[in-house]
Protein backbone atom coordinates (compact mmCIF):
# COMPACT_ATOMS: atom_id res chain seq x y z
CA MET A 1 -208.00 -28.43 -120.22
CA ALA A 2 -208.78 -27.57 -116.63
CA LEU A 3 -212.25 -26.74 -115.45
CA ARG A 4 -211.28 -23.05 -114.78
CA ASP A 5 -209.98 -22.71 -118.31
CA LEU A 6 -213.18 -24.26 -119.65
CA PHE A 7 -215.36 -21.56 -118.09
CA GLY A 8 -212.86 -18.73 -118.63
CA LEU A 9 -212.20 -18.18 -114.96
CA ARG A 10 -208.45 -18.46 -115.04
CA THR A 11 -206.56 -15.17 -115.05
CA THR A 12 -205.06 -14.58 -118.45
CA GLN A 13 -201.39 -13.86 -118.80
CA ASP A 14 -201.71 -12.28 -122.25
CA PRO A 15 -199.59 -9.02 -122.24
CA THR A 16 -201.98 -7.26 -124.58
CA ALA A 17 -204.95 -7.97 -122.33
CA LEU A 18 -202.98 -6.81 -119.28
CA ARG A 19 -202.14 -3.49 -120.93
CA GLU A 20 -205.76 -2.99 -121.96
CA ASN A 21 -206.86 -3.71 -118.39
CA LYS A 22 -204.45 -1.12 -116.98
CA ARG A 23 -205.62 1.43 -119.54
CA LEU A 24 -209.26 0.91 -118.53
CA GLN A 25 -208.36 1.22 -114.85
CA ALA A 26 -206.52 4.49 -115.55
CA GLN A 27 -209.53 5.87 -117.44
CA LEU A 28 -211.80 4.85 -114.55
CA SER A 29 -209.55 6.60 -112.04
CA THR A 30 -209.49 9.73 -114.21
CA ALA A 31 -213.28 9.72 -114.50
CA GLN A 32 -213.64 9.36 -110.72
CA PHE A 33 -211.23 12.28 -110.16
CA ARG A 34 -213.13 14.51 -112.60
CA LEU A 35 -216.41 13.56 -110.96
CA GLU A 36 -215.04 14.57 -107.56
CA GLU A 37 -213.79 17.86 -109.00
CA ALA A 38 -217.19 18.53 -110.54
CA ALA A 39 -218.85 17.84 -107.21
CA HIS A 40 -216.49 20.27 -105.48
CA SER A 41 -217.16 22.87 -108.16
CA MET A 42 -220.89 22.53 -107.73
CA GLU A 43 -220.44 22.85 -103.98
CA ARG A 44 -218.44 26.06 -104.43
CA PHE A 45 -221.07 27.35 -106.84
CA TYR A 46 -223.84 26.81 -104.34
CA GLN A 47 -221.72 28.39 -101.61
CA GLU A 48 -221.15 31.48 -103.78
CA ASP A 49 -224.85 31.60 -104.59
CA ILE A 50 -225.58 31.50 -100.87
CA GLY A 51 -223.04 34.29 -100.44
CA TRP A 52 -224.83 36.48 -102.99
CA GLU A 53 -228.12 35.76 -101.28
CA GLN A 54 -226.57 36.82 -97.99
CA LEU A 55 -225.18 39.96 -99.60
CA ASN A 56 -228.62 40.78 -100.99
CA ALA A 57 -230.13 40.23 -97.54
CA ASP A 58 -227.51 42.52 -96.01
CA THR A 59 -228.32 45.20 -98.59
CA GLN A 60 -232.03 44.95 -97.83
CA ARG A 61 -231.24 45.29 -94.14
CA ASP A 62 -228.96 48.29 -94.69
CA MET A 63 -231.73 50.09 -96.61
CA THR A 64 -234.14 49.90 -93.66
CA PRO A 65 -234.61 53.17 -91.74
CA GLU A 66 -232.39 51.90 -88.95
CA GLY A 67 -229.73 50.66 -91.39
CA ARG A 68 -229.67 53.95 -93.26
CA ARG A 69 -229.43 55.78 -89.96
CA ARG A 70 -226.38 53.76 -88.90
CA ALA A 71 -224.66 54.25 -92.26
CA THR A 72 -225.35 58.00 -92.26
CA GLU A 73 -224.13 58.50 -88.70
CA LEU A 74 -220.95 56.53 -89.42
CA CYS A 75 -220.22 58.56 -92.56
CA ARG A 76 -220.78 61.80 -90.65
CA ILE A 77 -218.33 60.73 -87.96
CA MET A 78 -215.70 59.66 -90.49
CA LYS A 79 -216.04 63.02 -92.26
CA ILE A 80 -214.78 64.63 -89.08
CA ALA A 81 -212.42 61.97 -87.73
CA ASN A 82 -210.71 60.55 -90.84
CA PRO A 83 -208.47 62.96 -92.79
CA LEU A 84 -208.83 61.18 -96.14
CA VAL A 85 -212.62 61.01 -95.98
CA LYS A 86 -212.70 64.68 -95.01
CA ARG A 87 -210.37 65.63 -97.86
CA GLY A 88 -212.20 63.50 -100.41
CA LEU A 89 -215.50 65.21 -99.61
CA ALA A 90 -213.85 68.64 -99.58
CA ILE A 91 -212.28 68.10 -103.01
CA ARG A 92 -215.60 67.02 -104.51
CA ALA A 93 -217.40 70.02 -103.01
CA GLY A 94 -214.65 72.32 -104.25
CA TYR A 95 -214.86 71.12 -107.83
CA VAL A 96 -218.66 71.28 -107.84
CA PHE A 97 -219.29 74.61 -106.09
CA GLY A 98 -215.84 76.14 -105.54
CA GLN A 99 -216.25 78.55 -108.46
CA GLY A 100 -219.93 79.33 -107.91
CA VAL A 101 -222.78 79.05 -110.39
CA GLY A 102 -224.59 81.61 -112.52
CA ILE A 103 -228.39 81.63 -112.76
CA GLN A 104 -230.42 83.97 -114.95
CA ALA A 105 -233.98 84.21 -116.28
CA PRO A 106 -235.65 86.51 -118.86
CA ASP A 107 -236.18 90.05 -117.60
CA GLY A 108 -238.84 90.96 -120.20
CA LYS A 109 -236.83 93.80 -121.75
CA ASP A 110 -236.22 92.12 -125.09
CA ASN A 111 -239.79 90.82 -125.46
CA SER A 112 -242.74 93.11 -125.89
CA GLY A 113 -245.28 92.30 -123.25
CA GLY A 114 -242.82 90.06 -121.41
CA GLN A 115 -242.59 89.85 -117.62
CA ASP A 116 -239.57 90.28 -115.36
CA VAL A 117 -239.08 86.64 -114.30
CA ASN A 118 -235.43 87.33 -113.45
CA ALA A 119 -236.48 89.64 -110.61
CA VAL A 120 -238.34 86.76 -108.95
CA VAL A 121 -235.38 84.41 -109.45
CA GLN A 122 -232.80 86.83 -108.07
CA ALA A 123 -235.02 87.67 -105.09
CA PHE A 124 -235.21 83.96 -104.26
CA LEU A 125 -231.44 83.51 -104.60
CA ASP A 126 -230.51 86.67 -102.65
CA ASP A 127 -232.88 86.25 -99.70
CA GLN A 128 -230.84 86.04 -96.49
CA GLY A 129 -232.68 83.03 -95.16
CA ASN A 130 -232.42 81.20 -98.47
CA ARG A 131 -228.72 82.00 -98.73
CA ARG A 132 -228.13 80.71 -95.22
CA ALA A 133 -229.97 77.46 -95.87
CA PHE A 134 -229.52 76.68 -99.57
CA THR A 135 -228.30 79.27 -102.09
CA GLY A 136 -225.30 80.84 -100.32
CA ALA A 137 -221.70 79.73 -100.83
CA GLN A 138 -221.39 78.14 -97.40
CA ALA A 139 -224.76 76.40 -97.73
CA ARG A 140 -223.82 74.98 -101.14
CA MET A 141 -220.58 73.47 -99.83
CA GLU A 142 -222.33 72.01 -96.80
CA LEU A 143 -225.13 70.51 -98.88
CA GLU A 144 -222.65 68.89 -101.28
CA ASN A 145 -220.90 67.37 -98.25
CA THR A 146 -224.30 66.19 -97.05
CA LEU A 147 -224.73 64.30 -100.30
CA GLY A 148 -221.32 62.76 -99.65
CA THR A 149 -222.25 61.51 -96.17
CA ASP A 150 -226.03 61.05 -96.25
CA GLY A 151 -226.69 60.52 -99.95
CA ASN A 152 -229.92 62.52 -99.58
CA VAL A 153 -230.80 66.22 -99.34
CA TYR A 154 -234.41 67.20 -98.68
CA ALA A 155 -235.23 70.80 -99.65
CA VAL A 156 -238.54 71.93 -98.15
CA VAL A 157 -240.17 75.12 -99.45
CA PHE A 158 -242.68 77.42 -97.73
CA THR A 159 -244.77 79.96 -99.65
CA ASN A 160 -246.31 83.26 -98.62
CA PRO A 161 -249.86 82.91 -100.01
CA ASP A 162 -250.27 86.68 -100.37
CA THR A 163 -247.06 87.63 -102.21
CA GLY A 164 -245.99 84.24 -103.49
CA PHE A 165 -242.45 84.59 -102.10
CA VAL A 166 -240.81 81.20 -101.48
CA LYS A 167 -238.43 80.32 -98.66
CA VAL A 168 -236.34 77.15 -98.84
CA ARG A 169 -234.96 75.15 -95.92
CA THR A 170 -233.63 71.60 -95.53
CA LEU A 171 -234.76 68.59 -93.50
CA ASP A 172 -232.45 66.26 -91.62
CA SER A 173 -232.22 63.12 -93.75
CA LEU A 174 -232.44 60.97 -90.60
CA GLU A 175 -235.93 62.33 -89.97
CA VAL A 176 -237.34 61.27 -93.35
CA THR A 177 -238.34 57.64 -92.84
CA ASP A 178 -240.77 56.69 -95.63
CA GLN A 179 -242.09 57.60 -99.08
CA ILE A 180 -245.34 57.01 -100.92
CA THR A 181 -245.02 56.67 -104.68
CA ASN A 182 -247.42 56.66 -107.59
CA PRO A 183 -248.99 53.15 -107.77
CA GLN A 184 -248.57 53.18 -111.57
CA ASP A 185 -245.08 54.74 -111.56
CA SER A 186 -242.71 53.90 -108.71
CA SER A 187 -240.22 56.58 -109.86
CA GLU A 188 -242.72 59.34 -109.01
CA THR A 189 -242.89 60.13 -105.31
CA TRP A 190 -246.06 61.71 -103.96
CA PHE A 191 -245.40 62.08 -100.22
CA TYR A 192 -242.51 62.03 -97.74
CA ARG A 193 -242.93 61.01 -94.12
CA ARG A 194 -241.03 62.92 -91.43
CA ASP A 195 -240.67 61.55 -87.88
CA PHE A 196 -239.08 64.04 -85.50
CA VAL A 197 -239.03 65.28 -81.94
CA GLN A 198 -240.42 68.77 -81.40
CA THR A 199 -239.35 70.75 -78.34
CA HIS A 200 -241.71 73.25 -76.71
CA VAL A 201 -241.18 75.89 -74.02
CA GLY A 202 -243.88 76.28 -71.39
CA GLU A 203 -245.85 79.54 -71.46
CA ARG A 204 -245.80 80.07 -67.69
CA THR A 205 -242.47 78.43 -66.88
CA SER A 206 -239.14 78.17 -68.66
CA ARG A 207 -239.27 74.40 -68.64
CA THR A 208 -239.06 72.58 -71.96
CA PHE A 209 -240.84 69.42 -73.00
CA SER A 210 -240.64 67.28 -76.12
CA GLU A 211 -243.13 65.31 -78.14
CA GLN A 212 -242.80 62.84 -81.00
CA LYS A 213 -244.50 64.01 -84.21
CA THR A 214 -245.17 62.57 -87.64
CA ILE A 215 -245.98 64.76 -90.66
CA TRP A 216 -246.39 63.93 -94.33
CA TYR A 217 -245.15 66.46 -96.92
CA PRO A 218 -246.16 66.40 -100.59
CA ALA A 219 -243.50 66.20 -103.25
CA LEU A 220 -242.69 69.45 -105.01
CA ASN A 221 -244.40 68.53 -108.27
CA HIS A 222 -247.33 66.63 -106.74
CA ARG A 223 -250.32 68.95 -107.24
CA PRO A 224 -253.51 66.87 -107.33
CA THR A 225 -256.86 68.55 -107.74
CA ARG A 226 -258.18 66.67 -104.68
CA ARG A 227 -255.99 66.91 -101.58
CA GLN A 228 -256.26 64.55 -98.64
CA SER A 229 -255.73 65.90 -95.13
CA THR A 230 -254.29 62.76 -93.45
CA ILE A 231 -252.38 59.59 -94.29
CA ASP A 232 -252.76 56.67 -91.86
CA GLY A 233 -254.07 59.12 -89.28
CA ASP A 234 -251.08 61.50 -89.55
CA PRO A 235 -251.55 65.02 -90.96
CA VAL A 236 -250.45 66.15 -94.42
CA ASP A 237 -248.86 69.63 -94.51
CA TRP A 238 -249.86 71.14 -97.86
CA SER A 239 -248.30 74.49 -96.94
CA ALA A 240 -244.86 72.99 -97.59
CA ALA A 241 -243.41 70.83 -100.36
CA VAL A 242 -240.27 68.66 -100.52
CA TYR A 243 -237.75 68.25 -103.32
CA HIS A 244 -235.52 65.18 -102.93
CA ILE A 245 -231.90 65.28 -104.14
CA ARG A 246 -230.17 61.88 -104.03
CA VAL A 247 -227.05 60.15 -105.32
CA ASN A 248 -225.97 56.49 -105.60
CA THR A 249 -229.62 55.54 -105.49
CA VAL A 250 -230.69 52.16 -104.12
CA GLY A 251 -234.44 51.79 -104.39
CA LYS A 252 -235.99 55.06 -103.22
CA TRP A 253 -233.01 56.25 -101.18
CA GLY A 254 -229.57 57.66 -101.83
CA VAL A 255 -226.29 56.38 -100.39
CA GLY A 256 -223.43 58.72 -99.51
CA ASP A 257 -220.19 58.72 -101.49
CA ALA A 258 -218.24 58.12 -98.28
CA TYR A 259 -220.03 54.81 -97.64
CA ALA A 260 -217.89 52.95 -100.21
CA ALA A 261 -214.70 54.48 -98.78
CA LEU A 262 -215.27 53.52 -95.13
CA PRO A 263 -213.67 50.01 -95.05
CA TRP A 264 -210.65 51.19 -97.03
CA ALA A 265 -210.26 54.28 -94.86
CA ARG A 266 -210.16 52.03 -91.79
CA ALA A 267 -207.65 49.68 -93.46
CA TYR A 268 -205.36 52.57 -94.46
CA LYS A 269 -205.59 54.03 -90.97
CA GLU A 270 -204.63 50.70 -89.39
CA PHE A 271 -201.77 50.28 -91.89
CA LEU A 272 -200.30 53.66 -90.97
CA GLU A 273 -200.71 52.91 -87.26
CA ASP A 274 -198.83 49.61 -87.66
CA TRP A 275 -196.13 51.36 -89.69
CA ALA A 276 -195.75 54.03 -86.99
CA LYS A 277 -195.47 51.31 -84.30
CA LEU A 278 -192.74 49.55 -86.28
CA MET A 279 -190.81 52.78 -86.77
CA SER A 280 -191.11 53.47 -83.05
CA ALA A 281 -189.84 49.98 -82.23
CA LEU A 282 -186.87 50.31 -84.58
CA SER A 283 -185.97 53.66 -83.05
CA ARG A 284 -185.95 52.12 -79.55
CA ILE A 285 -183.86 49.07 -80.53
CA ALA A 286 -180.91 50.77 -82.24
CA TRP A 287 -177.85 48.81 -81.01
CA LYS A 288 -176.71 45.21 -80.96
CA LEU A 289 -174.42 44.19 -78.06
CA SER A 290 -172.27 41.03 -78.06
CA SER A 291 -170.20 40.25 -74.92
CA LYS A 292 -169.08 37.49 -72.64
CA LYS A 293 -171.02 36.84 -69.46
CA SER A 294 -168.36 38.37 -67.25
CA ALA A 295 -168.55 41.70 -69.06
CA SER A 296 -172.32 41.90 -69.48
CA GLN A 297 -172.89 44.13 -66.45
CA GLN A 298 -170.24 46.60 -67.57
CA ALA A 299 -171.71 46.63 -71.08
CA ARG A 300 -175.23 47.32 -69.85
CA SER A 301 -173.98 50.23 -67.74
CA ALA A 302 -172.19 51.70 -70.75
CA MET A 303 -175.28 51.33 -72.92
CA ASN A 304 -177.50 53.06 -70.37
CA ALA A 305 -175.12 56.02 -70.46
CA LEU A 306 -175.87 56.60 -74.16
CA ASP A 307 -178.74 59.03 -73.58
CA GLN A 308 -177.93 61.25 -76.55
CA ALA A 309 -176.56 60.84 -80.04
CA GLY A 310 -172.79 61.03 -80.17
CA GLY A 311 -172.30 59.43 -76.73
CA VAL A 312 -169.28 57.19 -76.07
CA ALA A 313 -169.45 53.66 -74.62
CA THR A 314 -166.29 52.14 -73.10
CA MET A 315 -166.05 48.38 -73.67
CA ASP A 316 -163.42 45.72 -73.00
CA ALA A 317 -161.77 43.70 -75.69
CA ASN A 318 -164.34 40.91 -75.47
CA THR A 319 -167.39 43.16 -76.10
CA GLN A 320 -168.67 44.21 -79.51
CA LEU A 321 -171.23 47.02 -80.08
CA GLU A 322 -172.79 47.62 -83.52
CA ALA A 323 -175.91 49.26 -84.95
CA VAL A 324 -178.90 47.04 -85.66
CA PRO A 325 -179.18 46.55 -89.45
CA LYS A 326 -182.40 47.98 -90.84
CA SER A 327 -182.54 45.93 -94.06
CA GLY A 328 -185.51 43.59 -93.94
CA ALA A 329 -186.90 45.25 -90.81
CA THR A 330 -188.64 48.27 -92.33
CA ILE A 331 -191.98 48.69 -94.12
CA ASP A 332 -192.24 51.45 -96.69
CA ALA A 333 -195.21 53.73 -95.95
CA GLU A 334 -195.92 53.90 -99.70
CA SER A 335 -196.86 50.20 -99.60
CA GLY A 336 -200.30 51.29 -98.40
CA ARG A 337 -200.95 53.37 -101.52
CA PRO A 338 -203.32 50.78 -103.08
CA LEU A 339 -205.56 51.21 -100.03
CA ALA A 340 -205.58 54.98 -100.57
CA THR A 341 -206.35 54.37 -104.24
CA MET A 342 -209.56 52.57 -103.27
CA ILE A 343 -210.57 55.56 -101.13
CA ALA A 344 -209.89 57.90 -104.03
CA ALA A 345 -211.95 55.67 -106.33
CA ALA A 346 -214.91 55.90 -103.94
CA PHE A 347 -214.86 59.71 -104.25
CA GLY A 348 -214.07 59.75 -107.97
CA ILE A 349 -210.85 61.75 -107.62
CA PRO A 350 -207.18 60.94 -108.43
CA VAL A 351 -205.15 59.48 -105.57
CA THR A 352 -202.55 62.23 -106.05
CA MET A 353 -205.18 64.80 -105.04
CA LEU A 354 -206.47 62.71 -102.18
CA LEU A 355 -203.03 62.25 -100.55
CA ALA A 356 -202.05 65.90 -101.21
CA ASP A 357 -198.50 64.75 -101.95
CA PRO A 358 -197.88 64.89 -105.70
CA GLY A 359 -194.12 64.86 -105.27
CA ALA A 360 -194.15 61.39 -103.73
CA THR A 361 -197.04 59.68 -105.46
CA GLY A 362 -197.07 61.04 -108.99
CA ALA A 363 -196.03 63.71 -111.42
CA ARG A 364 -196.95 67.23 -110.42
CA ALA A 365 -198.56 67.99 -113.78
CA VAL A 366 -200.83 64.99 -113.32
CA ALA A 367 -201.68 66.00 -109.76
CA GLU A 368 -202.71 69.51 -110.76
CA THR A 369 -205.10 68.55 -113.58
CA LEU A 370 -208.27 66.50 -113.86
CA ASP A 371 -208.50 63.59 -116.25
CA ARG A 372 -211.57 63.22 -118.45
CA PRO A 373 -213.40 60.61 -116.29
CA THR A 374 -213.05 62.85 -113.24
CA ILE A 375 -214.27 65.89 -115.19
CA LEU A 376 -217.31 63.95 -116.37
CA GLU A 377 -218.09 62.73 -112.85
CA MET A 378 -217.87 66.23 -111.39
CA SER A 379 -219.93 67.59 -114.27
CA GLY A 380 -222.52 64.90 -113.61
CA ARG A 381 -222.83 66.02 -109.99
CA ARG A 382 -223.23 69.61 -111.20
CA GLU A 383 -226.08 68.47 -113.45
CA ILE A 384 -227.84 66.99 -110.42
CA TRP A 385 -227.67 70.37 -108.71
CA THR A 386 -228.77 72.05 -111.95
CA GLU A 387 -231.95 69.99 -111.87
CA ALA A 388 -232.47 70.86 -108.21
CA TYR A 389 -232.11 74.62 -108.81
CA ARG A 390 -234.32 74.41 -111.87
CA ALA A 391 -237.09 72.61 -109.96
CA LEU A 392 -237.00 74.99 -106.99
CA LEU A 393 -236.85 78.13 -109.13
CA GLU A 394 -239.67 76.89 -111.36
CA TYR A 395 -241.71 76.42 -108.20
CA ALA A 396 -240.85 79.96 -107.05
CA ILE A 397 -241.99 81.31 -110.43
CA ASP A 398 -245.23 79.34 -110.19
CA GLN A 399 -245.99 80.75 -106.76
CA ALA A 400 -245.27 84.28 -107.98
CA ILE A 401 -247.98 83.70 -110.60
CA LEU A 402 -250.53 82.04 -108.30
CA ALA A 403 -250.34 84.50 -105.39
CA ARG A 404 -252.96 87.22 -105.01
CA ARG A 405 -250.37 90.00 -105.06
CA GLY A 406 -247.68 88.10 -106.90
CA PRO A 407 -245.32 89.97 -109.23
CA LEU A 408 -246.11 87.73 -112.25
CA LYS A 409 -249.32 87.17 -114.14
CA GLY A 410 -250.58 83.89 -115.50
CA GLY A 411 -252.96 81.03 -114.90
CA VAL A 412 -253.40 77.32 -114.21
CA ARG A 413 -254.35 74.54 -116.52
CA VAL A 414 -255.04 70.93 -115.57
CA ASP A 415 -253.73 67.92 -117.45
CA PRO A 416 -256.85 65.80 -118.15
CA TYR A 417 -254.88 62.56 -118.02
CA SER A 418 -252.79 62.97 -114.85
CA GLN A 419 -255.07 65.52 -113.16
CA GLN A 420 -251.94 67.53 -112.30
CA GLU A 421 -251.91 71.33 -112.31
CA GLU A 422 -249.57 73.28 -114.59
CA VAL A 423 -248.86 76.99 -114.07
CA VAL A 424 -248.18 79.13 -117.15
CA LEU A 425 -247.31 82.77 -117.75
CA SER A 426 -249.85 84.93 -119.50
CA GLY A 427 -249.23 86.21 -123.00
CA SER A 428 -245.90 85.42 -124.61
CA GLY A 429 -243.94 85.49 -121.37
CA ASP A 430 -240.71 83.47 -121.36
CA ARG A 431 -239.57 81.66 -118.16
CA THR A 432 -236.53 79.82 -119.50
CA LEU A 433 -233.79 79.46 -116.89
CA VAL A 434 -230.12 79.66 -117.87
CA ILE A 435 -227.84 77.93 -115.33
CA THR A 436 -224.13 78.31 -116.12
CA TRP A 437 -221.19 76.57 -114.42
CA PRO A 438 -217.55 77.66 -114.74
CA ASP A 439 -215.33 75.41 -116.82
CA LEU A 440 -213.57 72.67 -114.85
CA THR A 441 -210.53 72.75 -117.13
CA ASP A 442 -207.77 75.26 -116.45
CA THR A 443 -207.84 77.16 -119.73
CA PRO A 444 -205.53 80.22 -119.60
CA ILE A 445 -207.42 83.50 -119.42
CA ASP A 446 -205.51 85.01 -122.36
CA VAL A 447 -206.52 82.09 -124.57
CA MET A 448 -210.19 82.46 -123.60
CA VAL A 449 -210.18 86.24 -124.11
CA LYS A 450 -208.50 85.88 -127.50
CA ALA A 451 -211.14 83.37 -128.62
CA ILE A 452 -213.97 85.66 -127.48
CA VAL A 453 -212.45 88.68 -129.24
CA GLU A 454 -212.01 86.73 -132.48
CA ALA A 455 -215.62 85.55 -132.30
CA ASP A 456 -216.80 89.12 -131.69
CA ALA A 457 -214.82 90.35 -134.71
CA THR A 458 -216.94 88.18 -136.98
CA GLY A 459 -219.99 90.26 -136.04
CA LYS A 460 -222.10 87.15 -135.43
CA VAL A 461 -221.99 87.38 -131.62
CA PRO A 462 -224.22 90.04 -129.98
CA PRO A 463 -222.22 92.67 -128.05
CA LEU A 464 -224.11 91.91 -124.82
CA GLU A 465 -223.22 88.21 -125.10
CA THR A 466 -219.57 89.11 -125.79
CA MET A 467 -219.45 91.20 -122.66
CA ARG A 468 -221.07 88.41 -120.64
CA LEU A 469 -218.49 85.88 -121.85
CA LEU A 470 -215.60 88.26 -121.12
CA LEU A 471 -216.79 88.95 -117.58
CA ARG A 472 -217.22 85.25 -116.83
CA SER A 473 -213.80 84.40 -118.23
CA LEU A 474 -212.31 87.06 -115.95
CA GLY A 475 -213.99 85.49 -112.91
CA VAL A 476 -216.54 88.24 -112.21
CA ARG A 477 -219.30 86.81 -109.99
CA ASP A 478 -222.22 89.24 -110.31
CA VAL A 479 -222.25 89.33 -114.10
CA ASP A 480 -225.99 89.89 -114.43
CA GLU A 481 -226.02 92.91 -112.12
CA LEU A 482 -223.09 94.46 -113.97
CA LEU A 483 -224.73 93.92 -117.35
CA ASP A 484 -227.82 95.80 -116.17
CA GLU A 485 -225.71 98.95 -116.09
CA TRP A 486 -224.85 98.52 -119.77
CA THR A 487 -228.39 97.98 -121.09
CA ASP A 488 -231.22 100.39 -121.65
CA GLU A 489 -234.85 99.95 -120.64
CA GLU A 490 -235.50 97.71 -123.64
CA GLY A 491 -232.54 95.45 -122.95
CA ASN A 492 -230.34 96.91 -125.72
CA PHE A 493 -226.59 97.09 -125.17
CA ILE A 494 -225.19 100.61 -124.53
CA ASN A 495 -221.88 100.95 -126.32
CA PRO A 496 -219.58 103.21 -124.24
CA ASP A 497 -217.72 104.27 -127.41
CA VAL A 498 -220.83 105.70 -129.10
CA ASN A 499 -221.32 109.51 -128.78
CA ALA A 500 -224.55 111.39 -128.07
CA GLY A 501 -225.04 112.34 -131.73
CA THR A 502 -225.07 108.71 -132.81
CA VAL A 503 -227.53 107.86 -130.06
CA ALA A 504 -229.86 110.71 -131.11
CA MET A 505 -229.66 109.73 -134.79
CA ASP A 506 -230.47 106.10 -134.04
CA ALA A 507 -233.44 107.16 -131.92
CA PHE A 508 -234.70 109.47 -134.70
CA ASN A 509 -234.46 106.62 -137.23
CA ARG A 510 -236.53 104.47 -134.91
CA GLY A 511 -239.18 107.16 -134.64
CA GLU A 512 -238.32 108.04 -131.03
CA ASP A 513 -237.52 111.32 -129.31
CA PRO A 514 -233.79 112.03 -129.90
CA ALA A 515 -233.59 114.35 -126.85
CA ALA A 516 -235.03 111.69 -124.57
CA ALA A 517 -232.58 109.15 -125.97
CA VAL A 518 -229.63 111.46 -125.31
CA ARG A 519 -230.83 112.18 -121.77
CA GLY A 520 -231.19 108.46 -121.18
CA GLY A 521 -227.66 107.87 -122.41
CA ASP A 522 -226.33 110.66 -120.20
CA ASP A 523 -228.13 109.18 -117.21
CA ALA A 524 -226.60 105.81 -117.96
CA ASP A 525 -223.14 107.43 -118.11
CA ASN A 526 -223.26 109.58 -114.99
CA GLY A 527 -225.62 107.44 -112.91
CA SER A 528 -228.01 110.38 -112.39
CA ASP A 529 -231.75 109.91 -112.04
CA THR A 530 -232.45 113.56 -112.95
CA PRO A 531 -234.28 114.01 -116.32
């Protein structure tokens, strides 16, 4: 036995041992490969984590006053310059406010001792200044578009301390730069900071000069018993109050609907531009010419003579002229539809409505109706505006109670826990607001009228409510004003089919003067004020 064999140093030639050695080497190689893959996976994980951290940092930067200003200005420009952004905002505004909204409050006729709260509400809604700034049809559409571009609408109200009448205006969202919230509840805003440039005209000359100003406004529902006059040295204007309407909220601020559509709107615009360039290039290169060198000059001269369609080119036997094949050289414009779909998704509307081309991109029946998710999204936006109208009108009612010569009577009570003031009507006065939106679904009028008539035939629906439903189904706008002509002083419905004898008998049974009841009915019929 050799010395190497004695100590086991000689390489064995056993086939079984060789196979086992190869198997172990293969397992080792596999383990090394998996370890490298795991290392690469961990590296990608950390890179993605860094990416999310960067995204979070970008979001924090975009929510700074300067970042919000840039985003708002860009969305405002795209609303004007980009057709799809403009149409997306217009469709949303149309579905939210295109059919109007009905608002009504108790008028005190059907409640003994009640007060005419509806008169205060209608005066607020019908005021010319309020209609121009907030409650009119044009103002409503513009404010909904403002939510689409800015994400924020700031309604500021001013009150006449003598009469309690409330005027509402709006602030530019770019001027509102900060908020102060309740230290114990960050969802409750107490003050809004406004930084703006005020322009003055000289008293002795016509020259103008500007100055930078900062004013703090209290939130609409912030009514502390102790009111501070300044915040960080800047004045607090307690004569005005701000109600903040916001959508797509990030922190304390809203983000416009158009913000999510901007990159896809740019991509779709660039796609269509490239498609138009390709079509232009194909229209300029329409013919393929094959000729020998000796005939090339003659061929070029003949081609230059083809200025119009139907022209004739004379060639020799060695020259061949044929149209350029278009297969493989064109790009279908519909290939960019997925980009348009992303824009439509940002606005919550079907792409068929966004592109305004149902014949090319979808069935017409689908293009003319809203699916349930879209109906719910539009209804959700309506509910946001419902809350805004409710808050502003409740404030107008409160001021009508608090004013020295206000039309409503009531008082103030203080919550001992929050130290906030609450205004209440005196007696059993009701101040419930009824805000009604037209149906978003296209239900045929005959179907709606038939359902209302069948419900009325059961006798369980009051006649006044039946008439209200019929008028709304027929698209009448001023329903409340029209119903006033069909009610008496106590709010009872005047049936036009009832004769004077029936009216007198009913009045006698109630212990009233039958003659006065008949005269009242005659006045309601002929519109006369003469007793």
